[in-house]
Amino acid sequence: QVQLVESGGGLVQAGGSQRLSCVASGSIFHINAMDWYRKAPGKQRELVAAAFTAWGTTYADSVKGRFTISGDKVKNVVYLQMNSLKPEDSAVYYCHVQVIVLGEGPYDYWGQGTQVTVSS
C-alpha cells in the first residue's frame, strides 16, 4: 500500500505564489512517474505538470513559464512551485504517482487533493 500526503494550497491573491508538496510512503520499489493534476468546477481534470518523463519535465501550455515541478525519487517527494497565479488556476490539485511495489505493478495512486483558490 502506498500513501500520498499533500500539503500547501489555500487562498492567494492573483500574481502571488504557492508551493504544493506531495510525499509518497509505503512499500515503494520504484517510482515511474510523479505528476500534478487539477480539477476545476465544470471542467475536466487536466495534467498540470509531469516529472521524470522520457522528455524530462512537461507542462500544460496554460502554466508554462509560471509553474515548476521538481521531485526526488529517493525521497519520494514531488513539488509544484506556482508563480504569477491567475484566478483561472483555481482548482483542486491532485498529486499522482505511478509506482512499482515489491516487484509488482505499475500501480497508480492519487493524493487527497488540495484546494488552490486565486482571488482577483
N, C-alpha and C. Protein backbone atom coordinates (compact mmCIF):
# COMPACT_ATOMS: atom_id res chain seq x y z
N GLN A 1 0.85 -1.19 0.00
CA GLN A 1 0.00 0.00 0.00
C GLN A 1 0.89 1.23 0.00
N VAL A 2 0.45 2.23 -0.75
CA VAL A 2 1.19 3.47 -0.85
C VAL A 2 0.28 4.61 -0.42
N GLN A 3 0.81 5.50 0.38
CA GLN A 3 0.06 6.67 0.82
C GLN A 3 0.71 7.93 0.27
N LEU A 4 -0.14 8.87 -0.11
CA LEU A 4 0.32 10.17 -0.58
C LEU A 4 -0.23 11.24 0.35
N VAL A 5 0.63 12.12 0.79
CA VAL A 5 0.22 13.22 1.64
C VAL A 5 0.59 14.52 0.96
N GLU A 6 -0.42 15.32 0.67
CA GLU A 6 -0.21 16.61 0.02
C GLU A 6 -0.24 17.71 1.07
N SER A 7 0.47 18.77 0.78
CA SER A 7 0.42 19.96 1.63
C SER A 7 0.58 21.18 0.75
N GLY A 8 0.23 22.31 1.32
CA GLY A 8 0.23 23.55 0.56
C GLY A 8 -1.18 23.88 0.11
N GLY A 9 -1.31 24.85 -0.74
CA GLY A 9 -2.62 25.26 -1.19
C GLY A 9 -3.23 26.30 -0.27
N GLY A 10 -4.44 26.70 -0.61
CA GLY A 10 -5.12 27.73 0.16
C GLY A 10 -5.51 28.89 -0.71
N LEU A 11 -5.72 30.03 -0.07
CA LEU A 11 -6.17 31.23 -0.76
C LEU A 11 -4.99 32.16 -1.02
N VAL A 12 -4.89 32.67 -2.23
CA VAL A 12 -3.81 33.58 -2.59
C VAL A 12 -4.36 34.61 -3.57
N GLN A 13 -3.79 35.78 -3.55
CA GLN A 13 -4.21 36.82 -4.50
C GLN A 13 -3.57 36.59 -5.86
N ALA A 14 -4.22 37.07 -6.88
CA ALA A 14 -3.67 36.98 -8.23
C ALA A 14 -2.28 37.61 -8.27
N GLY A 15 -1.37 36.93 -8.95
CA GLY A 15 0.01 37.38 -9.01
C GLY A 15 0.89 36.79 -7.94
N GLY A 16 0.28 36.14 -6.98
CA GLY A 16 1.02 35.54 -5.89
C GLY A 16 1.58 34.17 -6.23
N SER A 17 2.17 33.55 -5.21
CA SER A 17 2.83 32.26 -5.40
C SER A 17 2.36 31.27 -4.33
N GLN A 18 2.45 30.01 -4.66
CA GLN A 18 2.21 28.94 -3.71
C GLN A 18 3.07 27.75 -4.09
N ARG A 19 3.33 26.93 -3.11
CA ARG A 19 4.11 25.72 -3.34
C ARG A 19 3.35 24.53 -2.78
N LEU A 20 3.13 23.55 -3.63
CA LEU A 20 2.50 22.32 -3.21
C LEU A 20 3.55 21.23 -3.05
N SER A 21 3.33 20.38 -2.05
CA SER A 21 4.24 19.26 -1.81
C SER A 21 3.45 17.97 -1.74
N CYS A 22 4.08 16.90 -2.14
CA CYS A 22 3.45 15.58 -2.07
C CYS A 22 4.52 14.57 -1.71
N VAL A 23 4.29 13.87 -0.62
CA VAL A 23 5.23 12.85 -0.17
C VAL A 23 4.57 11.49 -0.26
N ALA A 24 5.25 10.56 -0.88
CA ALA A 24 4.74 9.19 -1.01
C ALA A 24 5.46 8.30 -0.01
N SER A 25 4.71 7.41 0.61
CA SER A 25 5.30 6.47 1.57
C SER A 25 4.66 5.11 1.39
N GLY A 26 5.36 4.10 1.86
CA GLY A 26 4.85 2.74 1.75
C GLY A 26 5.88 1.84 1.08
N SER A 27 5.41 0.74 0.57
CA SER A 27 6.30 -0.27 0.00
C SER A 27 6.63 0.05 -1.46
N ILE A 28 7.34 1.14 -1.65
CA ILE A 28 7.69 1.60 -2.99
C ILE A 28 9.02 1.03 -3.40
N PHE A 29 9.02 0.28 -4.49
CA PHE A 29 10.27 -0.24 -5.03
C PHE A 29 10.86 0.73 -6.04
N HIS A 30 10.01 1.30 -6.86
CA HIS A 30 10.47 2.22 -7.89
C HIS A 30 9.34 3.16 -8.29
N ILE A 31 9.69 4.42 -8.53
CA ILE A 31 8.69 5.39 -8.99
C ILE A 31 8.86 5.60 -10.49
N ASN A 32 7.79 5.35 -11.22
CA ASN A 32 7.81 5.60 -12.67
C ASN A 32 7.50 7.04 -13.00
N ALA A 33 6.54 7.61 -12.28
CA ALA A 33 6.07 8.96 -12.61
C ALA A 33 5.56 9.66 -11.38
N MET A 34 5.73 10.98 -11.36
CA MET A 34 5.16 11.83 -10.32
C MET A 34 4.63 13.07 -11.03
N ASP A 35 3.35 13.32 -10.86
CA ASP A 35 2.69 14.38 -11.63
C ASP A 35 1.75 15.18 -10.73
N TRP A 36 1.33 16.31 -11.25
CA TRP A 36 0.28 17.10 -10.63
C TRP A 36 -0.85 17.30 -11.64
N TYR A 37 -2.06 17.05 -11.19
CA TYR A 37 -3.27 17.29 -11.97
C TYR A 37 -4.10 18.32 -11.23
N ARG A 38 -5.08 18.89 -11.92
CA ARG A 38 -6.02 19.78 -11.26
C ARG A 38 -7.42 19.59 -11.85
N LYS A 39 -8.40 19.89 -11.03
CA LYS A 39 -9.79 19.75 -11.43
C LYS A 39 -10.53 20.99 -10.95
N ALA A 40 -11.03 21.76 -11.90
CA ALA A 40 -11.82 22.95 -11.58
C ALA A 40 -13.29 22.62 -11.79
N PRO A 41 -14.20 23.30 -11.08
CA PRO A 41 -15.63 23.04 -11.25
C PRO A 41 -16.06 23.22 -12.70
N GLY A 42 -16.79 22.24 -13.21
CA GLY A 42 -17.29 22.32 -14.57
C GLY A 42 -16.28 22.01 -15.65
N LYS A 43 -15.07 21.66 -15.24
CA LYS A 43 -14.02 21.34 -16.20
C LYS A 43 -13.50 19.94 -15.96
N GLN A 44 -12.89 19.39 -17.01
CA GLN A 44 -12.28 18.07 -16.87
C GLN A 44 -10.96 18.18 -16.12
N ARG A 45 -10.58 17.10 -15.49
CA ARG A 45 -9.28 17.05 -14.84
C ARG A 45 -8.20 17.17 -15.91
N GLU A 46 -7.18 17.95 -15.61
CA GLU A 46 -6.12 18.14 -16.58
C GLU A 46 -4.76 17.93 -15.93
N LEU A 47 -3.83 17.47 -16.74
CA LEU A 47 -2.46 17.32 -16.29
C LEU A 47 -1.81 18.69 -16.28
N VAL A 48 -1.28 19.07 -15.14
CA VAL A 48 -0.64 20.37 -15.00
C VAL A 48 0.84 20.27 -15.29
N ALA A 49 1.49 19.29 -14.67
CA ALA A 49 2.93 19.15 -14.85
C ALA A 49 3.33 17.72 -14.52
N ALA A 50 4.33 17.24 -15.22
CA ALA A 50 4.82 15.88 -15.02
C ALA A 50 6.33 15.89 -14.89
N ALA A 51 6.82 15.12 -13.95
CA ALA A 51 8.26 14.98 -13.77
C ALA A 51 8.66 13.57 -14.21
N PHE A 52 9.94 13.41 -14.51
CA PHE A 52 10.51 12.11 -14.82
C PHE A 52 9.93 11.46 -16.06
N THR A 53 9.49 12.24 -17.02
CA THR A 53 9.03 11.66 -18.27
C THR A 53 10.24 11.40 -19.17
N ALA A 54 9.99 10.72 -20.30
CA ALA A 54 11.07 10.44 -21.24
C ALA A 54 11.66 11.73 -21.81
N TRP A 55 10.88 12.80 -21.73
CA TRP A 55 11.34 14.08 -22.27
C TRP A 55 11.72 15.06 -21.15
N GLY A 56 11.83 14.54 -19.93
CA GLY A 56 12.10 15.41 -18.79
C GLY A 56 10.80 15.88 -18.20
N THR A 57 10.75 17.12 -17.78
CA THR A 57 9.52 17.67 -17.23
C THR A 57 8.65 18.22 -18.35
N THR A 58 7.35 18.09 -18.19
CA THR A 58 6.40 18.63 -19.16
C THR A 58 5.34 19.44 -18.43
N TYR A 59 4.76 20.41 -19.13
CA TYR A 59 3.78 21.31 -18.54
C TYR A 59 2.61 21.54 -19.48
N ALA A 60 1.46 21.79 -18.88
CA ALA A 60 0.33 22.26 -19.67
C ALA A 60 0.68 23.63 -20.23
N ASP A 61 0.20 23.91 -21.42
CA ASP A 61 0.51 25.21 -22.05
C ASP A 61 0.09 26.37 -21.15
N SER A 62 -1.00 26.19 -20.42
CA SER A 62 -1.55 27.28 -19.62
C SER A 62 -0.66 27.66 -18.43
N VAL A 63 0.28 26.79 -18.07
CA VAL A 63 1.12 27.09 -16.89
C VAL A 63 2.60 27.23 -17.24
N LYS A 64 2.95 27.01 -18.49
CA LYS A 64 4.36 27.11 -18.88
C LYS A 64 4.92 28.49 -18.55
N GLY A 65 6.11 28.49 -17.97
CA GLY A 65 6.75 29.74 -17.60
C GLY A 65 6.33 30.26 -16.24
N ARG A 66 5.29 29.67 -15.64
CA ARG A 66 4.81 30.12 -14.33
C ARG A 66 4.95 29.05 -13.26
N PHE A 67 4.77 27.79 -13.66
CA PHE A 67 4.84 26.68 -12.70
C PHE A 67 6.12 25.89 -12.93
N THR A 68 6.64 25.33 -11.84
CA THR A 68 7.81 24.48 -11.93
C THR A 68 7.59 23.24 -11.09
N ILE A 69 7.76 22.07 -11.73
CA ILE A 69 7.67 20.81 -10.99
C ILE A 69 9.07 20.32 -10.70
N SER A 70 9.24 19.78 -9.52
CA SER A 70 10.53 19.19 -9.16
C SER A 70 10.26 18.00 -8.26
N GLY A 71 11.17 17.07 -8.27
CA GLY A 71 10.94 15.88 -7.46
C GLY A 71 12.22 15.17 -7.12
N ASP A 72 12.11 14.27 -6.21
CA ASP A 72 13.24 13.48 -5.75
C ASP A 72 12.76 12.04 -5.59
N LYS A 73 13.23 11.17 -6.47
CA LYS A 73 12.78 9.77 -6.42
C LYS A 73 13.34 9.03 -5.22
N VAL A 74 14.42 9.50 -4.67
CA VAL A 74 14.99 8.85 -3.49
C VAL A 74 14.15 9.19 -2.26
N LYS A 75 13.76 10.46 -2.17
CA LYS A 75 12.94 10.90 -1.03
C LYS A 75 11.44 10.71 -1.30
N ASN A 76 11.08 10.30 -2.49
CA ASN A 76 9.68 10.07 -2.86
C ASN A 76 8.83 11.32 -2.66
N VAL A 77 9.32 12.43 -3.12
CA VAL A 77 8.61 13.69 -2.93
C VAL A 77 8.57 14.43 -4.27
N VAL A 78 7.47 15.14 -4.47
CA VAL A 78 7.33 15.98 -5.65
C VAL A 78 6.74 17.32 -5.22
N TYR A 79 7.24 18.39 -5.83
CA TYR A 79 6.79 19.73 -5.52
C TYR A 79 6.23 20.40 -6.77
N LEU A 80 5.34 21.35 -6.54
CA LEU A 80 4.86 22.19 -7.61
C LEU A 80 4.94 23.64 -7.14
N GLN A 81 5.88 24.37 -7.70
CA GLN A 81 6.01 25.78 -7.38
C GLN A 81 5.17 26.56 -8.38
N MET A 82 4.22 27.32 -7.87
CA MET A 82 3.30 28.06 -8.73
C MET A 82 3.51 29.56 -8.51
N ASN A 83 3.92 30.24 -9.56
CA ASN A 83 4.14 31.68 -9.51
C ASN A 83 3.18 32.40 -10.45
N SER A 84 3.05 33.68 -10.25
CA SER A 84 2.17 34.50 -11.10
C SER A 84 0.80 33.86 -11.25
N LEU A 85 0.24 33.49 -10.14
CA LEU A 85 -1.05 32.77 -10.17
C LEU A 85 -2.17 33.65 -10.70
N LYS A 86 -3.08 32.99 -11.41
CA LYS A 86 -4.22 33.66 -12.02
C LYS A 86 -5.51 33.05 -11.45
N PRO A 87 -6.60 33.79 -11.47
CA PRO A 87 -7.86 33.22 -10.99
C PRO A 87 -8.22 31.91 -11.70
N GLU A 88 -7.86 31.77 -12.95
CA GLU A 88 -8.18 30.54 -13.66
C GLU A 88 -7.34 29.35 -13.22
N ASP A 89 -6.36 29.58 -12.37
CA ASP A 89 -5.60 28.47 -11.79
C ASP A 89 -6.33 27.86 -10.60
N SER A 90 -7.41 28.48 -10.17
CA SER A 90 -8.16 27.96 -9.03
C SER A 90 -8.71 26.58 -9.36
N ALA A 91 -8.43 25.62 -8.48
CA ALA A 91 -8.85 24.24 -8.71
C ALA A 91 -8.43 23.41 -7.51
N VAL A 92 -8.88 22.17 -7.51
CA VAL A 92 -8.33 21.19 -6.58
C VAL A 92 -7.15 20.52 -7.29
N TYR A 93 -6.02 20.54 -6.65
CA TYR A 93 -4.80 19.98 -7.23
C TYR A 93 -4.54 18.61 -6.61
N TYR A 94 -4.25 17.65 -7.48
CA TYR A 94 -4.03 16.28 -7.05
C TYR A 94 -2.63 15.82 -7.44
N CYS A 95 -1.98 15.21 -6.50
CA CYS A 95 -0.71 14.56 -6.77
C CYS A 95 -0.99 13.14 -7.28
N HIS A 96 -0.25 12.71 -8.26
CA HIS A 96 -0.38 11.36 -8.82
C HIS A 96 1.00 10.73 -8.92
N VAL A 97 1.09 9.49 -8.52
CA VAL A 97 2.34 8.75 -8.71
C VAL A 97 2.02 7.39 -9.32
N GLN A 98 2.96 6.91 -10.11
CA GLN A 98 2.88 5.54 -10.63
C GLN A 98 4.11 4.82 -10.11
N VAL A 99 3.87 3.71 -9.42
CA VAL A 99 4.97 3.05 -8.74
C VAL A 99 5.00 1.56 -9.00
N ILE A 100 6.16 0.98 -8.80
CA ILE A 100 6.33 -0.46 -8.72
C ILE A 100 6.42 -0.78 -7.23
N VAL A 101 5.60 -1.73 -6.79
CA VAL A 101 5.54 -2.08 -5.37
C VAL A 101 5.99 -3.52 -5.20
N LEU A 102 7.10 -3.70 -4.54
CA LEU A 102 7.62 -5.05 -4.25
C LEU A 102 7.60 -5.94 -5.49
N GLY A 103 8.05 -5.38 -6.60
CA GLY A 103 8.16 -6.14 -7.83
C GLY A 103 6.87 -6.27 -8.62
N GLU A 104 5.79 -5.70 -8.14
CA GLU A 104 4.51 -5.76 -8.84
C GLU A 104 4.09 -4.36 -9.29
N GLY A 105 3.31 -4.37 -10.33
CA GLY A 105 2.81 -3.09 -10.82
C GLY A 105 3.11 -2.90 -12.28
N PRO A 106 2.98 -1.68 -12.81
CA PRO A 106 2.86 -0.47 -12.01
C PRO A 106 1.45 -0.22 -11.49
N TYR A 107 1.38 0.55 -10.42
CA TYR A 107 0.13 0.95 -9.82
C TYR A 107 0.07 2.47 -9.76
N ASP A 108 -1.14 3.00 -9.87
CA ASP A 108 -1.37 4.44 -9.80
C ASP A 108 -2.01 4.80 -8.46
N TYR A 109 -1.50 5.85 -7.86
CA TYR A 109 -2.04 6.35 -6.60
C TYR A 109 -2.27 7.86 -6.71
N TRP A 110 -3.29 8.32 -5.98
CA TRP A 110 -3.66 9.73 -6.01
C TRP A 110 -3.67 10.30 -4.59
N GLY A 111 -3.27 11.56 -4.50
CA GLY A 111 -3.39 12.27 -3.24
C GLY A 111 -4.84 12.65 -2.98
N GLN A 112 -5.07 13.20 -1.79
CA GLN A 112 -6.43 13.54 -1.38
C GLN A 112 -6.91 14.82 -2.04
N GLY A 113 -6.01 15.57 -2.63
CA GLY A 113 -6.39 16.83 -3.27
C GLY A 113 -6.23 17.99 -2.32
N THR A 114 -5.77 19.10 -2.85
CA THR A 114 -5.65 20.31 -2.05
C THR A 114 -6.21 21.48 -2.87
N GLN A 115 -7.02 22.29 -2.21
CA GLN A 115 -7.70 23.39 -2.90
C GLN A 115 -6.75 24.58 -3.04
N VAL A 116 -6.67 25.11 -4.24
CA VAL A 116 -5.96 26.35 -4.51
C VAL A 116 -6.99 27.34 -5.05
N THR A 117 -7.12 28.46 -4.36
CA THR A 117 -8.06 29.49 -4.79
C THR A 117 -7.30 30.79 -5.00
N VAL A 118 -7.43 31.33 -6.19
CA VAL A 118 -6.73 32.58 -6.54
C VAL A 118 -7.78 33.68 -6.70
N SER A 119 -7.68 34.68 -5.85
CA SER A 119 -8.65 35.78 -5.91
C SER A 119 -8.15 36.88 -6.84
N SER A 120 -9.08 37.51 -7.50
CA SER A 120 -8.70 38.58 -8.44
C SER A 120 -8.62 39.93 -7.74
